[in-house]
Amino acid sequence: MRILLDANFAQKSLGLWCYNSDRRITSGLIRANHLVWDFSDRDISRASNPFGSRKMGVGATNRKFLQAVDNLLPDIILLAHADIIRSDTLAEVRRNYKNTKIIVYNFDPLFTPNNVAAIKDRMDVADAIFITTGGEGLKQFKTTKNIVSFIPNPTDIGIDSGRVFEKTGQEFDVFQCIGGAVSDSDPRVVAVQHLLANYPDIKIDYYGMLGAPNLLGGRFLDTIQNKARMGLNLSRRNDVYLYCSDRCAGLMGNGLLTFQPRGIRFDKFFNESQVVFFNDFDELGKKIMQFKADDAHRRAVAEAGWKQYHKLFASHIVTQFMVETVMGMKYSHDYAWADEVLK
């Protein structure tokens, strides 16, 4: 199928976000044998006026978007955080290209009010909405005309090419990288502080917190694939059904032994021989110490989790699910989250 994908491909960052989720979606669609045309609305908006202003290029970008639709005649339009494209522009697409389906996908948490508002703004123009949260939270986006579903954070073998479980002798025990703490009570930071204070034998390689700089681009990939044995999959909240940061795809996709909070209920997809679940930070510390002392066990569980993550959540599987769902096609795969679809 022909697919127009509008997302923030961050051309101005010059490769710093080479591994982001939108890149994984593009790659997955191509791996699933679809033709994909990337439309980076924010970059196009900046380039559409002499001042490099995103706001000043909004009108021109919407006109260019409509021209791209007319040129490609896509079967499907995928929209991520395409906040430059107005809903009235999408309504025009629906009027003039009646065979084109519109998908909105979102990898951000539903406990952020602005994110919920942004998704709701697209409810009436989207044929399908896909979100990395499951359960009751999806119902607020359902209309009589759309489909709403959970999707997992996809891994892509071209991005997540590491096999950390094959390695020994790494410099650090645990890897933790965030974009920046939102408060002193951010559990991603509190966890690291707790481990540093109470488990001094655990060597932690951390970034984006406690005075450590952010880690981006190829340096991020080199670090996650080589420097530590284990990783922490923590989000700003860890009690939302099936929601976790996209860092989970990087950790498990690259073969680190990954520690998951029980509150997100990923036992729906993984068992104790594939990931390490914990209820609190003291249990987390004790379990890290156990695997630190038994590297063969660490490698075995990490490999099993890596295999399961790529089996269930590979980019071509996740994106083909999106295509088949919006097009009303019979599922070609036994999708592990098919019970999270609201039709």
Foldseek 3Di string as FASTA:
>chain_A
DEEEEEDAPPVVVVFQPVPDLSVLLVVLCVVLPYHYDYDHLQQQQLVQDPVSDSVNSLVVSLVVVVVVCVVRVGQEYEYEPNVSHALVSLVVCCVPNVNYAYEYEYQDDPVDPVVVVSLLNCLVSHQEYEYQFFDPVQVVSDDPRHKYFYFHRFAACVQQVAALLVDDDAQFAEEEADQADPDPVQVSAVLVVVCVVPPVVHGYDYERDPPHHHATGPRVSCCLRGHHQAYEFDDSDQQGASHTHSVVSNNLLNQHAYEHECNNPCVLQDDCLAHHYDPDSVRVNVVSVVCVVPVNSRSRNSVNNNVSSCVARHSNQRSVVVVCVSVVHDDPDPHSRVVRMDD
